[in-house]
Amino acid sequence: MGLNFEELKKERQRIHEELKQDRFSELPVEIIHLLNNEVINHVLHHTKVSKSEDIPARVLNNWIEKKVIIIDEQDKGKVKRFNKIHCVWLNIIAEARKLGLHLEDLEVAHQKVTTSEIPNFSYLKLGIINTILNKPHIIELSQGGIFEIMYQEEYRTFFNKGSMYYPHSILPLTSLVQQEFPKSNFELPLEIENITSDEEKMLLLFLLKSGAYGYMKVYLSENDIRLIENSEAVITNEQVKQAVSTWKFHKIEIMLEDDTMAIIEGNL
């Protein structure tokens, strides 16, 4: 008797929904706050760039017309019209099209992973942040509707059981996110104490690993100020690394890439 792939697909979708509900219910409240953090939203939502160097304008306009990606009405016709989340999604679309996925399926996927009734929340945004914070995600996709973002380890655990196999493809989210953060180092060897219980600590690690800033001024004290122009400088300067790891600094001034200033307070 042949495999009923339609039944396998329906069952896999059911399991995905259960996993997503469990995953969201287990999210620390600090992660939920981080998703709505003003600086995070500035980096991921508000700064707009062009993608025409990577994807022809004709193709981009077609995808917008087909609602495979939706941009703000006031940005239509502009060159710089895509925020970071848009850009990661465009990278995903480009790879999915190479694998033969139809635009109709990608339109449905767009609704599923990039939109939400919760302000400033989407599964793609959560996947981007977690991937940068060193909890890598993958995208599982197949013809006809399967399109899910999940933890890499979650995928391995499920399919190592060898059950419910059906034809599908996997895209690593890490490489698709890294394309949009050219100064990133997701493997930055920096540990910050009690990070998952503190929104500001997660924000700082996000910025250091993504490289989404111009420079930082680390105030070890009111008078001892260290200039950080790249994240590796935090690692090579033992005094700064120790101060950040233990959160024993006065404050950190962060100049974002568009000259917007953010300040993180320390414990001194």
Protein backbone atom coordinates (compact mmCIF):
# COMPACT_ATOMS: atom_id res chain seq x y z
CA MET A 1 0.00 0.00 0.00
CA GLY A 2 1.44 3.37 -1.02
CA LEU A 3 2.10 6.21 1.38
CA ASN A 4 -0.67 8.77 1.65
CA PHE A 5 1.38 11.96 1.56
CA GLU A 6 -1.70 14.16 1.96
CA GLU A 7 -2.49 12.46 5.27
CA LEU A 8 1.15 12.74 6.34
CA LYS A 9 1.10 16.45 5.49
CA LYS A 10 -2.06 17.07 7.51
CA GLU A 11 -0.67 15.20 10.49
CA ARG A 12 2.64 17.06 10.25
CA GLN A 13 0.79 20.39 10.15
CA ARG A 14 -1.18 19.38 13.24
CA ILE A 15 2.02 18.53 15.09
CA HIS A 16 3.61 21.80 13.98
CA GLU A 17 0.70 23.76 15.44
CA GLU A 18 1.02 21.92 18.75
CA LEU A 19 4.76 22.55 18.82
CA LYS A 20 4.27 26.26 18.09
CA GLN A 21 1.69 26.62 20.86
CA ASP A 22 3.95 24.81 23.33
CA ARG A 23 6.97 26.85 22.24
CA PHE A 24 5.15 30.16 22.60
CA SER A 25 3.62 29.25 25.97
CA GLU A 26 7.12 28.43 27.27
CA LEU A 27 8.73 31.68 26.10
CA PRO A 28 10.25 33.66 28.99
CA VAL A 29 8.40 36.92 29.53
CA GLU A 30 11.70 38.74 28.90
CA ILE A 31 11.81 37.32 25.35
CA ILE A 32 8.25 38.54 24.77
CA HIS A 33 9.31 42.00 25.97
CA LEU A 34 12.40 41.83 23.74
CA LEU A 35 10.17 41.25 20.70
CA ASN A 36 8.59 44.63 21.43
CA ASN A 37 11.78 46.38 22.51
CA GLU A 38 12.12 49.86 21.00
CA VAL A 39 15.72 49.33 19.84
CA ILE A 40 14.99 45.86 18.41
CA ASN A 41 12.02 47.28 16.53
CA HIS A 42 14.14 50.14 15.23
CA VAL A 43 16.75 47.71 13.88
CA LEU A 44 14.33 45.12 12.46
CA HIS A 45 11.31 47.20 11.42
CA HIS A 46 12.19 50.84 10.84
CA THR A 47 15.50 51.00 8.98
CA LYS A 48 14.79 50.50 5.26
CA VAL A 49 17.22 49.39 2.53
CA SER A 50 17.23 48.38 -1.14
CA LYS A 51 17.36 44.75 -2.29
CA SER A 52 17.68 45.44 -6.02
CA GLU A 53 21.40 44.54 -5.96
CA ASP A 54 20.46 40.99 -4.91
CA ILE A 55 17.10 40.55 -6.66
CA PRO A 56 16.06 42.29 -9.93
CA ALA A 57 13.54 45.11 -9.47
CA ARG A 58 11.20 43.39 -11.93
CA VAL A 59 11.12 40.28 -9.73
CA LEU A 60 10.66 42.31 -6.53
CA ASN A 61 7.75 44.22 -8.03
CA ASN A 62 6.13 40.97 -9.16
CA TRP A 63 6.42 39.47 -5.67
CA ILE A 64 4.88 42.61 -4.18
CA GLU A 65 2.05 42.48 -6.72
CA LYS A 66 1.43 38.79 -5.93
CA LYS A 67 1.45 39.62 -2.16
CA VAL A 68 4.29 37.22 -1.52
CA ILE A 69 5.74 40.14 0.41
CA ILE A 70 3.80 43.12 1.73
CA ILE A 71 5.48 46.47 2.34
CA ASP A 72 4.16 49.73 3.76
CA GLU A 73 2.00 51.64 1.31
CA GLN A 74 4.14 54.78 1.64
CA ASP A 75 7.25 52.78 0.64
CA LYS A 76 5.91 51.54 -2.68
CA GLY A 77 7.98 52.91 -5.55
CA LYS A 78 10.92 53.76 -3.30
CA VAL A 79 14.34 52.19 -3.70
CA LYS A 80 14.86 51.81 0.06
CA ARG A 81 11.60 50.09 0.95
CA PHE A 82 12.53 46.86 2.75
CA ASN A 83 13.28 46.49 6.47
CA LYS A 84 15.46 43.71 7.92
CA ILE A 85 12.55 41.29 8.34
CA HIS A 86 11.45 41.97 4.75
CA CYS A 87 15.00 41.32 3.55
CA VAL A 88 15.31 38.00 5.37
CA TRP A 89 11.93 36.99 3.98
CA LEU A 90 13.06 37.94 0.46
CA ASN A 91 16.13 35.72 0.92
CA ILE A 92 13.81 32.89 1.94
CA ILE A 93 11.56 33.45 -1.09
CA ALA A 94 14.56 33.42 -3.44
CA GLU A 95 15.77 30.08 -2.06
CA ALA A 96 12.28 28.58 -1.96
CA ARG A 97 11.73 29.51 -5.61
CA LYS A 98 14.96 27.70 -6.54
CA LEU A 99 13.43 24.63 -4.89
CA GLY A 100 10.32 24.98 -7.04
CA LEU A 101 7.81 26.39 -4.53
CA HIS A 102 4.91 28.22 -6.15
CA LEU A 103 4.17 31.88 -5.43
CA GLU A 104 0.71 30.89 -4.21
CA ASP A 105 2.22 28.67 -1.51
CA LEU A 106 4.65 31.42 -0.53
CA GLU A 107 1.80 33.92 -0.22
CA VAL A 108 0.13 31.58 2.29
CA ALA A 109 3.46 31.07 4.07
CA HIS A 110 3.93 34.85 4.29
CA GLN A 111 0.65 35.18 6.16
CA LYS A 112 1.61 32.36 8.51
CA VAL A 113 5.12 33.37 9.53
CA THR A 114 5.31 37.16 9.09
CA THR A 115 1.96 38.39 10.37
CA SER A 116 0.26 38.19 13.75
CA GLU A 117 -2.53 39.77 15.77
CA ILE A 118 0.07 40.44 18.47
CA PRO A 119 1.77 43.82 17.85
CA ASN A 120 5.38 43.54 16.64
CA PHE A 121 5.32 39.73 16.85
CA SER A 122 5.80 37.15 14.13
CA TYR A 123 7.33 33.68 14.02
CA LEU A 124 9.90 34.93 11.52
CA LYS A 125 10.93 37.78 13.82
CA LEU A 126 11.22 35.37 16.74
CA GLY A 127 13.29 33.03 14.57
CA ILE A 128 15.61 35.87 13.51
CA ILE A 129 16.21 37.01 17.09
CA ASN A 130 16.74 33.49 18.43
CA THR A 131 19.08 32.64 15.55
CA ILE A 132 21.22 35.70 16.32
CA LEU A 133 21.22 34.85 20.04
CA ASN A 134 22.61 31.40 19.13
CA LYS A 135 19.49 29.23 19.06
CA PRO A 136 19.56 28.35 15.34
CA HIS A 137 16.32 27.83 13.43
CA ILE A 138 15.57 26.04 10.18
CA ILE A 139 12.72 26.29 7.69
CA GLU A 140 10.98 23.08 6.70
CA LEU A 141 9.13 23.40 3.41
CA SER A 142 7.52 21.29 0.72
CA GLN A 143 5.21 21.65 -2.25
CA GLY A 144 1.58 22.15 -1.34
CA GLY A 145 1.66 24.01 1.93
CA ILE A 146 4.22 22.82 4.50
CA PHE A 147 6.22 25.87 5.57
CA GLU A 148 7.38 25.94 9.17
CA ILE A 149 10.07 27.72 11.16
CA MET A 150 11.43 25.67 14.06
CA TYR A 151 14.43 25.15 16.28
CA GLN A 152 17.16 23.18 14.55
CA GLU A 153 17.33 20.73 17.45
CA GLU A 154 13.55 20.34 17.42
CA TYR A 155 13.69 19.26 13.78
CA ARG A 156 16.52 16.80 14.41
CA THR A 157 14.74 15.22 17.36
CA PHE A 158 11.53 14.74 15.44
CA PHE A 159 12.99 13.28 12.27
CA ASN A 160 15.58 11.13 14.02
CA LYS A 161 12.61 9.09 15.18
CA GLY A 162 12.12 8.10 11.53
CA SER A 163 8.35 8.48 11.63
CA MET A 164 6.01 10.37 9.32
CA TYR A 165 8.63 10.95 6.64
CA TYR A 166 7.50 12.86 3.55
CA PRO A 167 9.40 14.71 0.80
CA HIS A 168 10.55 18.09 2.04
CA SER A 169 13.45 20.54 1.94
CA ILE A 170 15.32 22.37 4.68
CA LEU A 171 16.70 25.91 4.65
CA PRO A 172 19.04 27.00 7.48
CA LEU A 173 17.79 30.35 8.72
CA THR A 174 21.26 31.34 9.97
CA SER A 175 22.80 31.96 6.53
CA LEU A 176 19.68 33.80 5.32
CA VAL A 177 19.81 36.13 8.34
CA GLN A 178 23.57 36.67 8.14
CA GLN A 179 23.20 38.09 4.63
CA GLU A 180 21.42 41.09 6.16
CA PHE A 181 23.93 41.67 8.96
CA PRO A 182 27.32 42.01 7.22
CA LYS A 183 29.17 42.81 10.48
CA SER A 184 27.61 39.90 12.37
CA ASN A 185 29.31 37.19 14.39
CA PHE A 186 26.61 34.84 15.68
CA GLU A 187 29.33 32.67 17.26
CA LEU A 188 30.78 35.54 19.31
CA PRO A 189 32.27 33.82 22.39
CA LEU A 190 30.61 36.01 25.01
CA GLU A 191 28.60 34.78 27.98
CA ILE A 192 26.49 37.22 30.00
CA GLU A 193 25.32 36.14 33.43
CA ASN A 194 21.57 35.42 33.82
CA ILE A 195 20.88 36.67 30.31
CA THR A 196 17.50 35.00 29.74
CA SER A 197 16.02 36.78 32.76
CA ASP A 198 16.96 40.29 31.61
CA GLU A 199 15.67 42.09 28.51
CA GLU A 200 18.55 44.60 28.46
CA LYS A 201 21.17 41.84 28.57
CA MET A 202 19.54 40.04 25.64
CA LEU A 203 19.35 43.35 23.75
CA LEU A 204 23.08 44.00 24.21
CA LEU A 205 24.00 40.48 23.10
CA PHE A 206 21.69 40.83 20.08
CA LEU A 207 23.46 44.03 19.03
CA LEU A 208 26.94 42.62 19.62
CA LYS A 209 26.26 39.43 17.67
CA SER A 210 24.34 41.11 14.84
CA GLY A 211 26.78 44.01 14.51
CA ALA A 212 23.76 46.27 13.95
CA TYR A 213 25.40 49.38 15.38
CA GLY A 214 27.95 52.00 14.40
CA TYR A 215 29.94 52.06 17.64
CA MET A 216 29.54 51.68 21.38
CA LYS A 217 31.00 53.58 24.33
CA VAL A 218 31.39 51.31 27.34
CA TYR A 219 31.56 53.32 30.56
CA LEU A 220 33.46 51.06 32.96
CA SER A 221 33.02 53.97 35.33
CA GLU A 222 31.95 57.57 34.86
CA ASN A 223 35.50 58.48 33.82
CA ASP A 224 36.81 55.25 32.25
CA ILE A 225 35.28 55.06 28.76
CA ARG A 226 36.18 52.45 26.12
CA LEU A 227 35.27 52.87 22.44
CA ILE A 228 34.00 49.70 20.75
CA GLU A 229 33.83 49.84 16.94
CA ASN A 230 33.39 46.11 16.37
CA SER A 231 32.21 43.27 18.58
CA GLU A 232 35.53 41.41 18.53
CA ALA A 233 36.96 44.35 20.49
CA VAL A 234 34.77 43.32 23.43
CA ILE A 235 36.35 39.86 23.40
CA THR A 236 39.97 40.98 22.99
CA ASN A 237 39.75 43.56 25.78
CA GLU A 238 39.59 41.40 28.90
CA GLN A 239 38.48 44.26 31.16
CA VAL A 240 35.55 45.15 28.90
CA LYS A 241 34.63 41.49 28.40
CA GLN A 242 34.58 40.87 32.15
CA ALA A 243 32.53 44.01 32.80
CA VAL A 244 29.93 43.06 30.18
CA SER A 245 29.82 39.40 31.25
CA THR A 246 29.15 40.30 34.89
CA TRP A 247 27.16 43.45 34.04
CA LYS A 248 29.50 45.55 36.19
CA PHE A 249 29.72 48.74 34.20
CA HIS A 250 28.22 52.21 34.54
CA LYS A 251 26.43 52.38 31.18
CA ILE A 252 26.86 51.66 27.47
CA GLU A 253 26.01 54.26 24.85
CA ILE A 254 25.17 52.65 21.51
CA MET A 255 25.13 54.57 18.26
CA LEU A 256 22.96 52.61 15.85
CA GLU A 257 23.71 52.50 12.14
CA ASP A 258 21.44 55.46 11.34
CA ASP A 259 22.91 57.64 14.12
CA THR A 260 20.10 56.88 16.58
CA MET A 261 21.40 56.67 20.16
CA ALA A 262 20.45 53.95 22.66
CA ILE A 263 21.64 53.62 26.26
CA ILE A 264 21.91 50.47 28.37
CA GLU A 265 22.42 50.94 32.10
CA GLY A 266 24.78 48.72 34.07
CA ASN A 267 24.96 47.89 37.78
CA LEU A 268 27.61 50.44 38.85
